[in-house]
Amino acid sequence: RPLSRLTLAMVAMAGHVAGAEPRAAVPASVLASAPAAPAAAAIDILCLTLGGARRATVERMVAELARQETFADIELRLRFVPGVPAMQGFSEAGSLAQLAGDVLAAVALPPAGLQLWEKQARKLRPDQLGVFGATLAHLRAMGAALSGEPADIIIEDNCRFRCDVQGARQLLTAIQWQRANAADLLYYGWLGHHDNLEKVHAACQASEGPTVELQRGLNKAGRPCDVLYCQYGYSVSRRFYEQVLEDLRTTPRLMFRNYRGKAIVSPIDKFLPWRAAEAGLMVRTCREPCCFRAPLLPSCIHEKWVEAAFDTTEFQLALVGLAWSQIWLTTEEAEAPTRLAATRRDRLAAESEPPGNGHKKKGQHPPFLGREQSAGAGREHERRNVVPVRCRDHERTWACCSCPCMAFFHRLMPARFIQAFGAIGSH
């Protein structure tokens, strides 16, 4: 308790009267050698991004988290590594070296292996361009995280950290454990099928440490398989990174396979745990997820909302006992669950409407097209990805797929496949 001026004066006078010697001043050297206040624990974050609004969002997330009380004693240091813009394709000569020359140099492919990669890149299906670009980008990020200024965690620009106290503690303790033990592949955030998520989180709940060993599962054929996917928050050891480079160097076609004359790439979230398991390396997860995938953020690979990833994330949040409010989100991302619910209600209402033009009576068939109207209707409905179809049972050519027999078939077979058998098909 601080003393008043009067009390201090009385104490000094008593010491002077008693002949007490005044206390000597503390030397400056002693003050300089005194222990300073403990510095905040630093976490180095390496974000993989193509720039633009996504990069700005990650910068904003880290800046706002650093100002929160939950991260008061944690210093978040963020830096970026550029992704590989592979959606433009690799048709031009030298495009692979131009986009990912540093990755090719790190892998150090032999001449025959480099020619194979260039050939497979030209044969990629359109939906595989982004997959290949993501694989190259993550190889670049792993190299950057282990060289120069080491990074504690590699994230994608769709990663969102938890903003609650327990989430911050889990992130810090897991990173400190990783620095001391160096798991070859450590997941800070993950997704998976619901049954696999239940098994993983059950093992996490039974553990007491900050990380948990990840066991492989069995597929329907009884063969070992990996149970998690998504690489939006993880770290790797130098041993594992060098093992991946050695695997690609010795077997250049390891991450490619051909299907009907086109090339398919093994996604990075499947490739990494597979190679770690084949080499007998240590794969672990945090006891609790430290980060999650942003809700309904369009993927750089798939140009649409990934509703399945959103549903899986909500299932995972329920397993852990968390809510969206405990994750840092932008205003639009926080409104995404409500928007998706409204979209699904509208979709369900549209699917429940009876087929045909205003047909609402039960048991009555919708309007049909005669033979002279079929060709014109085919051109009209081609823009809506549907075609007139002849039904043998009803002996009529129904507009679009209004025939009850075609309702389920049309959901499975797009119109472009029906058109391969003629403008007027039959079933």
Protein backbone atom coordinates (compact mmCIF):
# COMPACT_ATOMS: atom_id res chain seq x y z
CA ARG A 1 0.00 0.00 0.00
CA PRO A 2 1.58 3.40 -0.93
CA LEU A 3 2.60 5.61 1.97
CA SER A 4 1.51 9.21 2.30
CA ARG A 5 3.95 12.13 2.24
CA LEU A 6 3.44 12.71 5.98
CA THR A 7 4.30 9.12 6.80
CA LEU A 8 7.43 9.22 4.64
CA ALA A 9 8.55 12.45 6.33
CA MET A 10 8.04 10.92 9.77
CA VAL A 11 10.05 7.84 8.85
CA ALA A 12 12.92 9.95 7.47
CA MET A 13 12.93 12.13 10.58
CA ALA A 14 13.00 9.10 12.85
CA GLY A 15 15.96 7.69 10.98
CA HIS A 16 17.82 11.01 11.16
CA VAL A 17 17.15 11.36 14.88
CA ALA A 18 18.33 7.81 15.54
CA GLY A 19 21.51 8.52 13.62
CA ALA A 20 20.68 6.03 10.89
CA GLU A 21 22.70 6.29 7.71
CA PRO A 22 20.73 6.94 4.51
CA ARG A 23 20.41 4.04 2.09
CA ALA A 24 22.82 4.18 -0.84
CA ALA A 25 21.36 4.54 -4.34
CA VAL A 26 21.18 1.38 -6.46
CA PRO A 27 24.00 1.43 -9.02
CA ALA A 28 23.02 1.74 -12.68
CA SER A 29 24.87 -1.46 -13.54
CA VAL A 30 22.66 -3.41 -11.14
CA LEU A 31 19.53 -1.92 -12.68
CA ALA A 32 20.76 -2.84 -16.17
CA SER A 33 21.40 -6.45 -15.16
CA ALA A 34 17.97 -6.93 -13.61
CA PRO A 35 15.72 -9.40 -15.49
CA ALA A 36 13.35 -7.70 -17.90
CA ALA A 37 9.68 -8.53 -18.29
CA PRO A 38 9.12 -11.74 -20.25
CA ALA A 39 8.75 -11.11 -23.98
CA ALA A 40 5.67 -12.27 -25.84
CA ALA A 41 5.88 -15.69 -27.47
CA ALA A 42 6.29 -15.30 -31.23
CA ILE A 43 4.49 -17.39 -33.86
CA ASP A 44 5.74 -17.18 -37.44
CA ILE A 45 2.95 -17.67 -39.98
CA LEU A 46 3.59 -18.35 -43.66
CA CYS A 47 0.54 -17.76 -45.85
CA LEU A 48 0.22 -19.24 -49.32
CA THR A 49 -1.80 -16.91 -51.56
CA LEU A 50 -2.33 -15.59 -55.05
CA GLY A 51 -2.78 -12.09 -53.66
CA GLY A 52 -5.74 -9.79 -54.08
CA ALA A 53 -8.63 -9.64 -51.63
CA ARG A 54 -7.72 -12.94 -50.01
CA ARG A 55 -4.30 -11.68 -49.01
CA ALA A 56 -5.82 -8.50 -47.62
CA THR A 57 -8.26 -10.56 -45.56
CA VAL A 58 -5.47 -12.63 -44.00
CA GLU A 59 -3.53 -9.45 -43.17
CA ARG A 60 -6.63 -8.01 -41.54
CA MET A 61 -7.25 -11.22 -39.56
CA VAL A 62 -3.73 -11.33 -38.12
CA ALA A 63 -3.78 -7.59 -37.31
CA GLU A 64 -7.12 -7.82 -35.49
CA LEU A 65 -6.15 -10.96 -33.59
CA ALA A 66 -2.93 -9.31 -32.43
CA ARG A 67 -5.00 -6.53 -30.84
CA GLN A 68 -7.29 -8.90 -28.98
CA GLU A 69 -6.80 -9.74 -25.31
CA THR A 70 -6.63 -13.48 -26.09
CA PHE A 71 -3.41 -12.93 -28.07
CA ALA A 72 -1.96 -10.28 -25.73
CA ASP A 73 1.11 -12.38 -24.88
CA ILE A 74 1.52 -13.86 -28.39
CA GLU A 75 3.28 -12.03 -31.20
CA LEU A 76 1.90 -13.04 -34.60
CA ARG A 77 4.42 -12.51 -37.41
CA LEU A 78 3.00 -12.94 -40.90
CA ARG A 79 4.69 -13.28 -44.26
CA PHE A 80 3.51 -14.53 -47.63
CA VAL A 81 4.65 -16.89 -50.35
CA PRO A 82 3.11 -16.58 -53.84
CA GLY A 83 1.01 -19.37 -55.24
CA VAL A 84 1.18 -20.83 -58.74
CA PRO A 85 -1.44 -19.39 -61.15
CA ALA A 86 -1.93 -22.62 -63.06
CA MET A 87 -5.49 -21.99 -64.30
CA GLN A 88 -4.05 -20.43 -67.47
CA GLY A 89 -2.69 -23.83 -68.45
CA PHE A 90 0.68 -25.18 -69.55
CA SER A 91 0.13 -25.41 -73.29
CA GLU A 92 2.98 -23.04 -74.19
CA ALA A 93 6.54 -24.29 -74.19
CA GLY A 94 8.40 -23.41 -71.02
CA SER A 95 5.26 -22.37 -69.14
CA LEU A 96 5.91 -24.86 -66.34
CA ALA A 97 9.42 -23.52 -65.75
CA GLN A 98 8.13 -19.97 -65.95
CA LEU A 99 5.44 -20.49 -63.30
CA ALA A 100 7.28 -22.83 -60.94
CA GLY A 101 10.96 -22.78 -61.88
CA ASP A 102 12.03 -22.61 -58.23
CA VAL A 103 10.02 -25.73 -57.42
CA LEU A 104 11.57 -27.62 -60.32
CA ALA A 105 15.01 -26.54 -59.12
CA ALA A 106 14.27 -27.78 -55.60
CA VAL A 107 13.05 -31.14 -56.83
CA ALA A 108 16.04 -31.39 -59.21
CA LEU A 109 14.31 -33.69 -61.67
CA PRO A 110 16.48 -35.56 -64.17
CA PRO A 111 16.02 -34.51 -67.82
CA ALA A 112 13.68 -37.40 -68.51
CA GLY A 113 11.62 -36.58 -65.43
CA LEU A 114 11.38 -32.91 -66.39
CA GLN A 115 10.15 -33.86 -69.85
CA LEU A 116 7.55 -36.13 -68.24
CA TRP A 117 6.27 -33.32 -66.01
CA GLU A 118 6.01 -30.94 -68.95
CA LYS A 119 4.17 -33.56 -71.01
CA GLN A 120 1.77 -34.39 -68.19
CA ALA A 121 1.15 -30.69 -67.56
CA ARG A 122 0.06 -30.23 -71.18
CA LYS A 123 -2.27 -33.25 -70.89
CA LEU A 124 -4.00 -32.07 -67.74
CA ARG A 125 -7.77 -31.99 -67.74
CA PRO A 126 -9.20 -28.49 -67.20
CA ASP A 127 -10.37 -29.39 -63.71
CA GLN A 128 -6.85 -30.59 -62.82
CA LEU A 129 -5.01 -27.35 -63.58
CA GLY A 130 -5.77 -25.87 -60.18
CA VAL A 131 -4.91 -29.14 -58.45
CA PHE A 132 -1.48 -29.21 -60.05
CA GLY A 133 -0.95 -25.54 -59.24
CA ALA A 134 -1.84 -26.16 -55.59
CA THR A 135 0.62 -29.04 -55.39
CA LEU A 136 3.43 -26.92 -56.82
CA ALA A 137 2.52 -24.02 -54.54
CA HIS A 138 2.62 -26.15 -51.40
CA LEU A 139 6.00 -27.56 -52.40
CA ARG A 140 7.18 -23.96 -52.71
CA ALA A 141 5.68 -23.06 -49.33
CA MET A 142 7.29 -26.02 -47.57
CA GLY A 143 10.68 -25.03 -48.94
CA ALA A 144 10.18 -21.41 -47.86
CA ALA A 145 9.04 -22.45 -44.38
CA LEU A 146 12.24 -24.46 -43.80
CA SER A 147 14.79 -22.07 -45.27
CA GLY A 148 15.84 -18.59 -44.26
CA GLU A 149 13.34 -17.47 -41.63
CA PRO A 150 11.62 -20.68 -40.50
CA ALA A 151 7.84 -20.63 -40.18
CA ASP A 152 5.88 -22.36 -37.44
CA ILE A 153 2.74 -22.91 -39.49
CA ILE A 154 1.83 -22.88 -43.18
CA ILE A 155 -1.67 -21.66 -43.97
CA GLU A 156 -3.72 -21.10 -47.09
CA ASP A 157 -5.53 -17.82 -47.58
CA ASN A 158 -8.84 -19.56 -46.76
CA CYS A 159 -7.65 -20.34 -43.21
CA ARG A 160 -9.37 -18.66 -40.26
CA PHE A 161 -7.93 -18.86 -36.74
CA ARG A 162 -9.91 -19.31 -33.57
CA CYS A 163 -10.29 -16.13 -31.54
CA ASP A 164 -11.22 -17.66 -28.17
CA VAL A 165 -8.82 -18.10 -25.26
CA GLN A 166 -8.67 -21.89 -25.50
CA GLY A 167 -7.93 -21.69 -29.22
CA ALA A 168 -5.04 -19.30 -28.67
CA ARG A 169 -3.63 -21.51 -25.91
CA GLN A 170 -3.95 -24.60 -28.11
CA LEU A 171 -2.15 -22.91 -31.00
CA LEU A 172 0.75 -21.74 -28.82
CA THR A 173 1.23 -25.03 -26.95
CA ALA A 174 1.06 -27.06 -30.18
CA ILE A 175 3.69 -24.86 -31.83
CA GLN A 176 5.95 -25.08 -28.78
CA TRP A 177 5.54 -28.87 -28.82
CA GLN A 178 6.39 -28.95 -32.53
CA ARG A 179 9.55 -26.92 -31.99
CA ALA A 180 10.73 -29.42 -29.37
CA ASN A 181 9.62 -32.66 -31.03
CA ALA A 182 9.36 -31.93 -34.79
CA ALA A 183 6.53 -34.13 -36.01
CA ASP A 184 7.02 -34.83 -39.71
CA LEU A 185 3.49 -33.68 -40.55
CA LEU A 186 1.36 -31.81 -38.01
CA TYR A 187 -2.18 -30.68 -38.76
CA TYR A 188 -3.38 -27.49 -37.04
CA GLY A 189 -6.69 -27.73 -38.90
CA TRP A 190 -8.26 -30.49 -40.94
CA LEU A 191 -11.39 -31.89 -42.57
CA GLY A 192 -12.54 -35.40 -43.34
CA HIS A 193 -15.55 -37.64 -43.78
CA HIS A 194 -17.89 -37.60 -40.82
CA ASP A 195 -17.10 -41.11 -39.61
CA ASN A 196 -13.36 -40.42 -39.79
CA LEU A 197 -13.78 -37.12 -37.97
CA GLU A 198 -15.57 -38.90 -35.15
CA LYS A 199 -12.70 -41.38 -34.77
CA VAL A 200 -10.04 -38.68 -34.87
CA HIS A 201 -11.79 -36.46 -32.34
CA ALA A 202 -12.44 -39.42 -30.05
CA ALA A 203 -8.69 -40.10 -30.02
CA CYS A 204 -8.05 -36.41 -29.37
CA GLN A 205 -10.39 -36.35 -26.39
CA ALA A 206 -8.64 -39.40 -24.91
CA SER A 207 -5.25 -37.68 -25.16
CA GLU A 208 -3.74 -35.28 -22.65
CA GLY A 209 -0.92 -33.71 -24.66
CA PRO A 210 -1.20 -30.80 -27.10
CA THR A 211 -0.85 -33.14 -30.12
CA VAL A 212 -2.16 -36.61 -30.94
CA GLU A 213 -0.78 -39.31 -33.21
CA LEU A 214 -2.90 -39.79 -36.31
CA GLN A 215 -3.68 -43.38 -37.21
CA ARG A 216 -4.53 -44.49 -40.73
CA GLY A 217 -7.86 -46.07 -41.59
CA LEU A 218 -9.04 -48.85 -43.88
CA ASN A 219 -11.03 -48.39 -47.07
CA LYS A 220 -13.82 -50.66 -48.27
CA ALA A 221 -11.28 -53.01 -49.80
CA GLY A 222 -9.49 -53.36 -46.47
CA ARG A 223 -6.42 -51.41 -47.57
CA PRO A 224 -4.80 -48.66 -45.49
CA CYS A 225 -5.97 -45.16 -46.32
CA ASP A 226 -5.63 -41.67 -44.91
CA VAL A 227 -8.57 -40.30 -42.95
CA LEU A 228 -8.07 -36.53 -43.20
CA TYR A 229 -7.80 -34.02 -46.02
CA CYS A 230 -7.26 -30.28 -46.52
CA GLN A 231 -3.91 -28.54 -46.09
CA TYR A 232 -5.08 -25.11 -44.95
CA GLY A 233 -3.05 -25.22 -41.70
CA TYR A 234 -0.07 -27.52 -41.12
CA SER A 235 3.70 -27.77 -40.66
CA VAL A 236 6.31 -30.24 -41.90
CA SER A 237 9.75 -31.30 -40.80
CA ARG A 238 12.87 -30.94 -42.90
CA ARG A 239 13.19 -34.71 -43.00
CA PHE A 240 9.73 -35.09 -44.52
CA TYR A 241 10.27 -32.28 -47.04
CA GLU A 242 13.49 -33.88 -48.26
CA GLN A 243 11.72 -37.24 -48.40
CA VAL A 244 8.99 -35.79 -50.63
CA LEU A 245 11.59 -34.27 -52.97
CA GLU A 246 13.46 -37.57 -53.13
CA ASP A 247 10.25 -39.47 -53.96
CA LEU A 248 9.43 -37.08 -56.79
CA ARG A 249 13.00 -37.14 -58.06
CA THR A 250 13.29 -40.92 -58.20
CA THR A 251 9.72 -41.50 -59.43
CA PRO A 252 8.67 -38.44 -61.49
CA ARG A 253 5.30 -39.92 -62.44
CA LEU A 254 4.45 -40.55 -58.77
CA MET A 255 1.78 -37.86 -58.51
CA PHE A 256 0.36 -38.34 -62.03
CA ARG A 257 -1.94 -40.92 -63.53
CA ASN A 258 -3.54 -41.07 -66.94
CA TYR A 259 -7.22 -41.54 -67.61
CA ARG A 260 -8.65 -41.66 -71.14
CA GLY A 261 -5.76 -39.76 -72.62
CA LYS A 262 -5.80 -37.02 -69.99
CA ALA A 263 -3.60 -36.55 -66.94
CA ILE A 264 -4.85 -36.47 -63.35
CA VAL A 265 -2.81 -35.10 -60.43
CA SER A 266 -2.78 -36.44 -56.89
CA PRO A 267 -4.03 -33.58 -54.67
CA ILE A 268 -1.51 -32.28 -52.16
CA ASP A 269 -3.76 -33.15 -49.20
CA LYS A 270 -3.76 -36.77 -50.37
CA PHE A 271 -0.15 -36.86 -51.52
CA LEU A 272 1.50 -35.65 -48.30
CA PRO A 273 -0.07 -38.09 -45.80
CA TRP A 274 0.39 -40.94 -48.28
CA ARG A 275 4.13 -40.31 -48.65
CA ALA A 276 4.54 -39.82 -44.90
CA ALA A 277 2.84 -43.15 -44.21
CA GLU A 278 4.86 -44.96 -46.87
CA ALA A 279 8.09 -43.66 -45.30
CA GLY A 280 6.97 -44.54 -41.76
CA LEU A 281 7.13 -40.93 -40.59
CA MET A 282 5.25 -39.33 -37.71
CA VAL A 283 1.89 -37.72 -38.54
CA ARG A 284 -0.03 -35.95 -35.79
CA THR A 285 -2.89 -33.53 -35.22
CA CYS A 286 -3.47 -30.92 -32.55
CA ARG A 287 -5.66 -32.00 -29.67
CA GLU A 288 -8.18 -29.40 -30.84
CA PRO A 289 -8.34 -27.67 -34.22
CA CYS A 290 -6.66 -24.27 -34.04
CA CYS A 291 -8.08 -23.03 -37.34
CA PHE A 292 -10.91 -23.80 -39.75
CA ARG A 293 -11.72 -23.31 -43.39
CA ALA A 294 -13.59 -20.10 -44.17
CA PRO A 295 -17.30 -20.86 -44.67
CA LEU A 296 -18.49 -20.99 -48.28
CA LEU A 297 -15.38 -19.30 -49.63
CA PRO A 298 -15.06 -20.25 -53.32
CA SER A 299 -12.09 -22.51 -53.85
CA CYS A 300 -9.22 -21.53 -56.13
CA ILE A 301 -9.64 -24.98 -57.69
CA HIS A 302 -13.44 -25.19 -57.85
CA GLU A 303 -15.22 -22.06 -59.07
CA LYS A 304 -18.21 -22.37 -56.76
CA TRP A 305 -19.16 -22.53 -53.12
CA VAL A 306 -17.98 -25.77 -51.57
CA GLU A 307 -21.09 -26.67 -49.61
CA ALA A 308 -19.72 -30.08 -48.62
CA ALA A 309 -16.74 -28.43 -46.89
CA PHE A 310 -19.14 -26.10 -45.07
CA ASP A 311 -21.28 -29.01 -43.84
CA THR A 312 -18.18 -30.91 -42.73
CA THR A 313 -16.88 -27.88 -40.85
CA GLU A 314 -20.19 -27.45 -39.04
CA PHE A 315 -20.10 -31.14 -38.12
CA GLN A 316 -16.56 -30.72 -36.80
CA LEU A 317 -17.54 -27.63 -34.79
CA ALA A 318 -20.30 -29.65 -33.14
CA LEU A 319 -17.83 -32.41 -32.26
CA VAL A 320 -15.43 -29.97 -30.61
CA GLY A 321 -18.19 -27.91 -29.00
CA LEU A 322 -17.45 -24.66 -30.82
CA ALA A 323 -19.50 -22.12 -32.77
CA TRP A 324 -18.79 -19.88 -35.73
CA SER A 325 -18.64 -16.92 -33.33
CA GLN A 326 -15.44 -18.37 -31.81
CA ILE A 327 -13.65 -18.13 -35.17
CA TRP A 328 -12.40 -14.92 -36.75
CA LEU A 329 -14.60 -14.25 -39.79
CA THR A 330 -15.34 -11.33 -42.04
CA THR A 331 -18.82 -9.85 -42.03
CA GLU A 332 -19.77 -11.67 -45.22
CA GLU A 333 -18.36 -14.97 -43.96
CA ALA A 334 -20.28 -14.62 -40.69
CA GLU A 335 -23.49 -14.24 -42.73
CA ALA A 336 -22.68 -17.24 -44.94
CA PRO A 337 -24.57 -19.85 -42.85
CA THR A 338 -27.76 -17.79 -43.04
CA ARG A 339 -27.31 -17.20 -46.78
CA LEU A 340 -26.74 -20.90 -47.42
CA ALA A 341 -29.85 -21.85 -45.43
CA ALA A 342 -31.93 -19.43 -47.52
CA THR A 343 -30.41 -20.76 -50.75
CA ARG A 344 -31.23 -24.32 -49.78
CA ARG A 345 -34.81 -23.40 -48.89
CA ASP A 346 -35.27 -21.76 -52.30
CA ARG A 347 -33.72 -24.77 -54.00
CA LEU A 348 -36.00 -27.17 -52.14
CA ALA A 349 -39.04 -25.08 -53.03
CA ALA A 350 -38.04 -25.07 -56.71
CA GLU A 351 -37.54 -28.82 -56.76
CA SER A 352 -40.90 -29.42 -55.08
CA GLU A 353 -42.79 -27.53 -57.80
CA PRO A 354 -44.70 -29.82 -60.19
CA PRO A 355 -43.21 -30.25 -63.68
CA GLY A 356 -44.61 -28.64 -66.80
CA ASN A 357 -46.10 -25.24 -67.48
CA GLY A 358 -48.41 -24.48 -64.60
CA HIS A 359 -49.35 -28.16 -64.12
CA LYS A 360 -50.63 -28.66 -60.59
CA LYS A 361 -53.31 -31.34 -60.80
CA LYS A 362 -52.39 -34.70 -59.38
CA GLY A 363 -52.25 -37.51 -61.92
CA GLN A 364 -52.26 -35.22 -64.96
CA HIS A 365 -49.32 -35.32 -67.33
CA PRO A 366 -47.61 -32.05 -68.25
CA PRO A 367 -47.94 -30.62 -71.76
CA PHE A 368 -46.12 -32.53 -74.48
CA LEU A 369 -44.62 -31.59 -77.83
CA GLY A 370 -45.70 -32.97 -81.15
CA ARG A 371 -43.27 -34.19 -83.79
CA GLU A 372 -43.33 -30.87 -85.64
CA GLN A 373 -42.45 -28.93 -82.47
CA SER A 374 -39.58 -31.11 -81.29
CA ALA A 375 -36.74 -29.54 -83.33
CA GLY A 376 -37.61 -25.99 -82.27
CA ALA A 377 -38.01 -27.03 -78.66
CA GLY A 378 -34.62 -28.70 -78.78
CA ARG A 379 -32.97 -25.42 -79.71
CA GLU A 380 -35.01 -23.54 -77.12
CA HIS A 381 -34.19 -25.88 -74.25
CA GLU A 382 -30.55 -26.41 -75.22
CA ARG A 383 -29.71 -23.15 -73.50
CA ARG A 384 -31.13 -24.58 -70.28
CA ASN A 385 -29.06 -27.77 -70.64
CA VAL A 386 -32.13 -29.94 -71.33
CA VAL A 387 -33.47 -31.62 -74.47
CA PRO A 388 -36.78 -33.09 -75.62
CA VAL A 389 -36.94 -36.80 -74.89
CA ARG A 390 -39.16 -39.48 -76.39
CA CYS A 391 -40.78 -41.82 -73.87
CA ARG A 392 -41.76 -45.29 -75.04
CA ASP A 393 -44.17 -45.81 -72.16
CA HIS A 394 -46.17 -42.65 -72.75
CA GLU A 395 -45.67 -42.61 -76.55
CA ARG A 396 -45.04 -38.90 -76.59
CA THR A 397 -42.12 -36.51 -76.86
CA TRP A 398 -42.11 -34.59 -73.63
CA ALA A 399 -40.81 -31.05 -73.32
CA CYS A 400 -37.45 -31.10 -71.56
CA CYS A 401 -37.66 -33.91 -69.06
CA SER A 402 -41.21 -33.33 -67.92
CA CYS A 403 -42.04 -37.00 -68.37
CA PRO A 404 -42.19 -38.65 -64.93
CA CYS A 405 -39.99 -41.47 -66.22
CA MET A 406 -37.15 -39.03 -66.92
CA ALA A 407 -37.17 -37.15 -63.63
CA PHE A 408 -34.56 -39.27 -61.85
CA PHE A 409 -32.59 -40.04 -65.02
CA HIS A 410 -32.09 -36.37 -65.86
CA ARG A 411 -30.57 -35.66 -62.46
CA LEU A 412 -27.87 -38.21 -63.22
CA MET A 413 -27.39 -37.68 -66.96
CA PRO A 414 -26.73 -34.12 -68.22
CA ALA A 415 -28.18 -33.09 -71.53
CA ARG A 416 -24.85 -33.10 -73.34
CA PHE A 417 -24.66 -36.87 -72.88
CA ILE A 418 -28.25 -37.33 -74.02
CA GLN A 419 -27.50 -35.28 -77.12
CA ALA A 420 -24.78 -37.77 -78.05
CA PHE A 421 -27.59 -40.13 -78.99
CA GLY A 422 -29.54 -37.57 -81.00
CA ALA A 423 -31.66 -34.52 -80.37
CA ILE A 424 -34.64 -36.77 -79.64
CA GLY A 425 -33.62 -39.57 -77.31
CA SER A 426 -35.68 -42.40 -75.91
CA HIS A 427 -35.70 -44.33 -72.66
